Amino acid sequence: MAAWAFHRISGIGVWLFIILHIIDIWLIGVNPELYDYLGQIYSSPPGRVMETLLGAALFYHALNGMRIVVMDFWPALTVYHRQMWRIVWIVFFAIGLPGAYIILKPIWEAVG
């Protein structure tokens, strides 16, 4: 149940990012000054936190989607769905935490 809920929540996050990205790209042609301003917001500390959360949502959604594809193509493996979900989380944290550190590092360097 939790895998289902997390997959839907991360999917909503991905959808919101796509909408924001479309608007952002549209602004290049319509209002370059506003586009530049949004770029400054994205590089600010709250923007970096938002990018980190977006990256986490994208990464989890992709990993869990691969787990779902494996179970769709090889139904016999569905008995291992909990173990595969644990593997998703292990890979998520093993790659996601260093990635979050890289994205958030400029915030810590600016503070201290």
N, C-alpha and C. Protein backbone atom coordinates (compact mmCIF):
# COMPACT_ATOMS: atom_id res chain seq x y z
N MET A 1 0.82 -1.20 0.00
CA MET A 1 0.00 0.00 0.00
C MET A 1 0.86 1.26 0.00
N ALA A 2 1.94 1.23 0.77
CA ALA A 2 2.82 2.40 0.84
C ALA A 2 3.50 2.64 -0.50
N ALA A 3 3.91 1.57 -1.17
CA ALA A 3 4.55 1.74 -2.49
C ALA A 3 3.58 2.39 -3.46
N TRP A 4 2.33 1.98 -3.42
CA TRP A 4 1.30 2.55 -4.28
C TRP A 4 1.14 4.04 -3.99
N ALA A 5 1.03 4.40 -2.70
CA ALA A 5 0.84 5.80 -2.32
C ALA A 5 2.05 6.65 -2.70
N PHE A 6 3.25 6.16 -2.41
CA PHE A 6 4.46 6.92 -2.76
C PHE A 6 4.58 7.11 -4.26
N HIS A 7 4.19 6.08 -5.01
CA HIS A 7 4.28 6.18 -6.47
C HIS A 7 3.32 7.25 -6.99
N ARG A 8 2.12 7.31 -6.42
CA ARG A 8 1.16 8.33 -6.85
C ARG A 8 1.61 9.73 -6.43
N ILE A 9 2.11 9.86 -5.22
CA ILE A 9 2.58 11.17 -4.74
C ILE A 9 3.76 11.66 -5.57
N SER A 10 4.71 10.77 -5.83
CA SER A 10 5.85 11.18 -6.65
C SER A 10 5.41 11.49 -8.08
N GLY A 11 4.40 10.79 -8.57
CA GLY A 11 3.86 11.08 -9.90
C GLY A 11 3.24 12.47 -9.97
N ILE A 12 2.55 12.87 -8.91
CA ILE A 12 1.99 14.23 -8.86
C ILE A 12 3.12 15.25 -8.85
N GLY A 13 4.19 14.97 -8.09
CA GLY A 13 5.34 15.87 -8.08
C GLY A 13 5.97 16.01 -9.46
N VAL A 14 6.09 14.90 -10.16
CA VAL A 14 6.65 14.93 -11.52
C VAL A 14 5.74 15.73 -12.44
N TRP A 15 4.43 15.53 -12.33
CA TRP A 15 3.46 16.27 -13.15
C TRP A 15 3.56 17.77 -12.88
N LEU A 16 3.65 18.16 -11.61
CA LEU A 16 3.78 19.58 -11.28
C LEU A 16 5.07 20.17 -11.86
N PHE A 17 6.15 19.38 -11.82
CA PHE A 17 7.40 19.84 -12.40
C PHE A 17 7.26 20.06 -13.90
N ILE A 18 6.60 19.15 -14.58
CA ILE A 18 6.43 19.29 -16.03
C ILE A 18 5.65 20.56 -16.35
N ILE A 19 4.59 20.82 -15.60
CA ILE A 19 3.81 22.05 -15.80
C ILE A 19 4.69 23.27 -15.58
N LEU A 20 5.43 23.28 -14.47
CA LEU A 20 6.32 24.40 -14.17
C LEU A 20 7.39 24.56 -15.25
N HIS A 21 7.91 23.45 -15.73
CA HIS A 21 8.94 23.48 -16.76
C HIS A 21 8.39 24.06 -18.07
N ILE A 22 7.19 23.68 -18.44
CA ILE A 22 6.57 24.21 -19.66
C ILE A 22 6.38 25.72 -19.54
N ILE A 23 5.88 26.17 -18.39
CA ILE A 23 5.70 27.61 -18.17
C ILE A 23 7.05 28.32 -18.20
N ASP A 24 8.03 27.71 -17.55
CA ASP A 24 9.38 28.29 -17.49
C ASP A 24 9.96 28.47 -18.90
N ILE A 25 9.88 27.44 -19.71
CA ILE A 25 10.41 27.51 -21.08
C ILE A 25 9.63 28.52 -21.91
N TRP A 26 8.32 28.59 -21.71
CA TRP A 26 7.49 29.56 -22.42
C TRP A 26 7.93 30.98 -22.11
N LEU A 27 8.38 31.21 -20.87
CA LEU A 27 8.79 32.55 -20.47
C LEU A 27 10.04 33.04 -21.20
N ILE A 28 10.85 32.13 -21.71
CA ILE A 28 12.05 32.55 -22.45
C ILE A 28 11.65 33.46 -23.61
N GLY A 29 10.61 33.08 -24.32
CA GLY A 29 10.19 33.87 -25.47
C GLY A 29 9.29 35.03 -25.12
N VAL A 30 8.53 34.92 -24.05
CA VAL A 30 7.55 35.94 -23.71
C VAL A 30 8.13 37.03 -22.82
N ASN A 31 8.88 36.63 -21.80
CA ASN A 31 9.40 37.59 -20.83
C ASN A 31 10.76 37.12 -20.32
N PRO A 32 11.84 37.40 -21.05
CA PRO A 32 13.16 36.93 -20.64
C PRO A 32 13.58 37.41 -19.25
N GLU A 33 13.14 38.60 -18.85
CA GLU A 33 13.51 39.11 -17.53
C GLU A 33 12.90 38.23 -16.42
N LEU A 34 11.64 37.85 -16.61
CA LEU A 34 10.99 36.98 -15.63
C LEU A 34 11.64 35.61 -15.62
N TYR A 35 12.04 35.13 -16.79
CA TYR A 35 12.75 33.86 -16.87
C TYR A 35 14.06 33.92 -16.08
N ASP A 36 14.81 35.01 -16.24
CA ASP A 36 16.05 35.17 -15.49
C ASP A 36 15.78 35.24 -13.99
N TYR A 37 14.70 35.91 -13.61
CA TYR A 37 14.33 36.00 -12.20
C TYR A 37 14.01 34.62 -11.63
N LEU A 38 13.28 33.81 -12.40
CA LEU A 38 12.99 32.45 -11.95
C LEU A 38 14.28 31.64 -11.80
N GLY A 39 15.23 31.86 -12.69
CA GLY A 39 16.53 31.20 -12.57
C GLY A 39 17.22 31.54 -11.27
N GLN A 40 17.09 32.78 -10.84
CA GLN A 40 17.67 33.20 -9.56
C GLN A 40 16.94 32.51 -8.40
N ILE A 41 15.64 32.38 -8.53
CA ILE A 41 14.87 31.70 -7.48
C ILE A 41 15.31 30.24 -7.39
N TYR A 42 15.48 29.59 -8.54
CA TYR A 42 15.88 28.18 -8.54
C TYR A 42 17.26 27.98 -7.91
N SER A 43 18.14 28.96 -8.03
CA SER A 43 19.48 28.81 -7.46
C SER A 43 19.55 29.29 -6.02
N SER A 44 18.46 29.84 -5.48
CA SER A 44 18.42 30.26 -4.08
C SER A 44 18.28 29.04 -3.18
N PRO A 45 18.53 29.18 -1.88
CA PRO A 45 18.37 28.02 -0.98
C PRO A 45 17.00 27.35 -1.05
N PRO A 46 15.87 28.10 -1.02
CA PRO A 46 14.59 27.39 -1.16
C PRO A 46 14.45 26.69 -2.52
N GLY A 47 15.00 27.29 -3.56
CA GLY A 47 14.95 26.68 -4.88
C GLY A 47 15.76 25.39 -4.93
N ARG A 48 16.91 25.39 -4.26
CA ARG A 48 17.73 24.17 -4.24
C ARG A 48 17.04 23.06 -3.46
N VAL A 49 16.37 23.43 -2.37
CA VAL A 49 15.60 22.42 -1.63
C VAL A 49 14.49 21.86 -2.52
N MET A 50 13.81 22.75 -3.26
CA MET A 50 12.76 22.31 -4.17
C MET A 50 13.34 21.38 -5.24
N GLU A 51 14.51 21.71 -5.78
CA GLU A 51 15.14 20.84 -6.78
C GLU A 51 15.51 19.49 -6.18
N THR A 52 15.95 19.49 -4.93
CA THR A 52 16.29 18.24 -4.27
C THR A 52 15.05 17.36 -4.12
N LEU A 53 13.95 17.97 -3.68
CA LEU A 53 12.70 17.21 -3.54
C LEU A 53 12.20 16.72 -4.90
N LEU A 54 12.35 17.55 -5.91
CA LEU A 54 11.96 17.14 -7.26
C LEU A 54 12.81 15.96 -7.72
N GLY A 55 14.12 16.06 -7.52
CA GLY A 55 15.00 14.96 -7.90
C GLY A 55 14.64 13.68 -7.17
N ALA A 56 14.31 13.80 -5.89
CA ALA A 56 13.91 12.63 -5.11
C ALA A 56 12.63 12.02 -5.67
N ALA A 57 11.66 12.86 -5.99
CA ALA A 57 10.40 12.36 -6.55
C ALA A 57 10.64 11.67 -7.89
N LEU A 58 11.43 12.30 -8.75
CA LEU A 58 11.73 11.71 -10.06
C LEU A 58 12.45 10.37 -9.91
N PHE A 59 13.44 10.34 -9.03
CA PHE A 59 14.26 9.15 -8.88
C PHE A 59 13.43 8.00 -8.29
N TYR A 60 12.65 8.29 -7.24
CA TYR A 60 11.81 7.25 -6.65
C TYR A 60 10.80 6.74 -7.67
N HIS A 61 10.17 7.67 -8.38
CA HIS A 61 9.15 7.29 -9.36
C HIS A 61 9.75 6.38 -10.44
N ALA A 62 10.96 6.69 -10.88
CA ALA A 62 11.63 5.87 -11.89
C ALA A 62 11.98 4.49 -11.34
N LEU A 63 12.56 4.45 -10.14
CA LEU A 63 12.94 3.16 -9.56
C LEU A 63 11.72 2.29 -9.30
N ASN A 64 10.69 2.87 -8.71
CA ASN A 64 9.49 2.08 -8.42
C ASN A 64 8.79 1.68 -9.71
N GLY A 65 8.84 2.54 -10.72
CA GLY A 65 8.28 2.18 -12.02
C GLY A 65 8.99 0.98 -12.62
N MET A 66 10.31 0.92 -12.46
CA MET A 66 11.05 -0.25 -12.96
C MET A 66 10.63 -1.51 -12.20
N ARG A 67 10.40 -1.37 -10.90
CA ARG A 67 9.93 -2.51 -10.10
C ARG A 67 8.57 -3.00 -10.62
N ILE A 68 7.70 -2.07 -10.92
CA ILE A 68 6.37 -2.42 -11.44
C ILE A 68 6.49 -3.10 -12.81
N VAL A 69 7.37 -2.60 -13.66
CA VAL A 69 7.58 -3.20 -14.98
C VAL A 69 8.09 -4.63 -14.83
N VAL A 70 9.03 -4.84 -13.92
CA VAL A 70 9.55 -6.19 -13.70
C VAL A 70 8.42 -7.13 -13.31
N MET A 71 7.55 -6.67 -12.41
CA MET A 71 6.43 -7.53 -11.98
C MET A 71 5.41 -7.74 -13.10
N ASP A 72 5.26 -6.74 -13.98
CA ASP A 72 4.33 -6.89 -15.11
C ASP A 72 4.85 -7.90 -16.13
N PHE A 73 6.15 -7.86 -16.41
CA PHE A 73 6.72 -8.75 -17.42
C PHE A 73 7.00 -10.15 -16.88
N TRP A 74 7.27 -10.26 -15.60
CA TRP A 74 7.54 -11.55 -14.97
C TRP A 74 6.64 -11.71 -13.75
N PRO A 75 5.37 -12.07 -13.98
CA PRO A 75 4.39 -12.16 -12.88
C PRO A 75 4.82 -13.10 -11.75
N ALA A 76 5.63 -14.09 -12.06
CA ALA A 76 6.08 -15.01 -11.00
C ALA A 76 6.90 -14.28 -9.94
N LEU A 77 7.49 -13.14 -10.30
CA LEU A 77 8.31 -12.38 -9.35
C LEU A 77 7.49 -11.52 -8.40
N THR A 78 6.17 -11.48 -8.60
CA THR A 78 5.35 -10.65 -7.71
C THR A 78 5.39 -11.13 -6.26
N VAL A 79 5.74 -12.40 -6.06
CA VAL A 79 5.86 -12.89 -4.68
C VAL A 79 7.01 -12.19 -3.96
N TYR A 80 7.92 -11.59 -4.71
CA TYR A 80 9.06 -10.88 -4.13
C TYR A 80 8.87 -9.36 -4.13
N HIS A 81 7.61 -8.90 -4.22
CA HIS A 81 7.38 -7.46 -4.35
C HIS A 81 7.91 -6.68 -3.15
N ARG A 82 7.84 -7.23 -1.95
CA ARG A 82 8.36 -6.51 -0.78
C ARG A 82 9.88 -6.41 -0.82
N GLN A 83 10.52 -7.48 -1.20
CA GLN A 83 11.98 -7.44 -1.30
C GLN A 83 12.42 -6.46 -2.38
N MET A 84 11.69 -6.44 -3.51
CA MET A 84 12.04 -5.49 -4.57
C MET A 84 11.80 -4.06 -4.12
N TRP A 85 10.75 -3.84 -3.32
CA TRP A 85 10.49 -2.49 -2.83
C TRP A 85 11.61 -2.05 -1.87
N ARG A 86 12.10 -2.99 -1.07
CA ARG A 86 13.24 -2.66 -0.19
C ARG A 86 14.48 -2.34 -1.02
N ILE A 87 14.68 -3.05 -2.10
CA ILE A 87 15.81 -2.76 -2.99
C ILE A 87 15.66 -1.37 -3.60
N VAL A 88 14.43 -1.01 -3.97
CA VAL A 88 14.17 0.34 -4.49
C VAL A 88 14.65 1.38 -3.47
N TRP A 89 14.30 1.19 -2.20
CA TRP A 89 14.69 2.16 -1.17
C TRP A 89 16.20 2.16 -0.92
N ILE A 90 16.82 1.00 -0.97
CA ILE A 90 18.28 0.93 -0.78
C ILE A 90 18.98 1.70 -1.89
N VAL A 91 18.59 1.45 -3.13
CA VAL A 91 19.19 2.16 -4.27
C VAL A 91 18.86 3.65 -4.19
N PHE A 92 17.62 3.97 -3.81
CA PHE A 92 17.20 5.37 -3.69
C PHE A 92 18.11 6.12 -2.72
N PHE A 93 18.34 5.56 -1.55
CA PHE A 93 19.18 6.25 -0.56
C PHE A 93 20.66 6.20 -0.93
N ALA A 94 21.11 5.08 -1.50
CA ALA A 94 22.53 4.96 -1.86
C ALA A 94 22.93 5.98 -2.92
N ILE A 95 22.04 6.28 -3.85
CA ILE A 95 22.35 7.25 -4.90
C ILE A 95 21.75 8.61 -4.57
N GLY A 96 20.59 8.62 -3.95
CA GLY A 96 19.89 9.87 -3.68
C GLY A 96 20.55 10.75 -2.64
N LEU A 97 21.08 10.16 -1.58
CA LEU A 97 21.72 10.99 -0.55
C LEU A 97 22.97 11.71 -1.06
N PRO A 98 23.86 11.03 -1.79
CA PRO A 98 24.98 11.79 -2.37
C PRO A 98 24.51 12.85 -3.36
N GLY A 99 23.48 12.54 -4.12
CA GLY A 99 22.93 13.53 -5.06
C GLY A 99 22.37 14.74 -4.35
N ALA A 100 21.64 14.50 -3.26
CA ALA A 100 21.09 15.61 -2.47
C ALA A 100 22.21 16.44 -1.87
N TYR A 101 23.27 15.78 -1.44
CA TYR A 101 24.41 16.51 -0.89
C TYR A 101 25.01 17.44 -1.94
N ILE A 102 25.17 16.95 -3.15
CA ILE A 102 25.74 17.76 -4.23
C ILE A 102 24.85 18.97 -4.53
N ILE A 103 23.54 18.75 -4.57
CA ILE A 103 22.63 19.86 -4.88
C ILE A 103 22.60 20.88 -3.75
N LEU A 104 22.63 20.40 -2.50
CA LEU A 104 22.50 21.30 -1.35
C LEU A 104 23.83 21.85 -0.85
N LYS A 105 24.94 21.34 -1.34
CA LYS A 105 26.26 21.77 -0.88
C LYS A 105 26.46 23.29 -0.95
N PRO A 106 26.05 23.97 -2.02
CA PRO A 106 26.25 25.43 -2.05
C PRO A 106 25.54 26.17 -0.91
N ILE A 107 24.45 25.63 -0.41
CA ILE A 107 23.76 26.27 0.72
C ILE A 107 24.65 26.21 1.95
N TRP A 108 25.22 25.04 2.22
CA TRP A 108 26.07 24.89 3.40
C TRP A 108 27.35 25.69 3.27
N GLU A 109 27.89 25.77 2.07
CA GLU A 109 29.11 26.55 1.87
C GLU A 109 28.85 28.04 2.07
N ALA A 110 27.67 28.51 1.70
CA ALA A 110 27.33 29.92 1.87
C ALA A 110 27.12 30.26 3.34
N VAL A 111 26.60 29.31 4.10
CA VAL A 111 26.32 29.56 5.52
C VAL A 111 27.60 29.52 6.34
N GLY A 112 28.43 28.54 6.09
CA GLY A 112 29.59 28.40 6.96
C GLY A 112 30.83 28.31 6.20
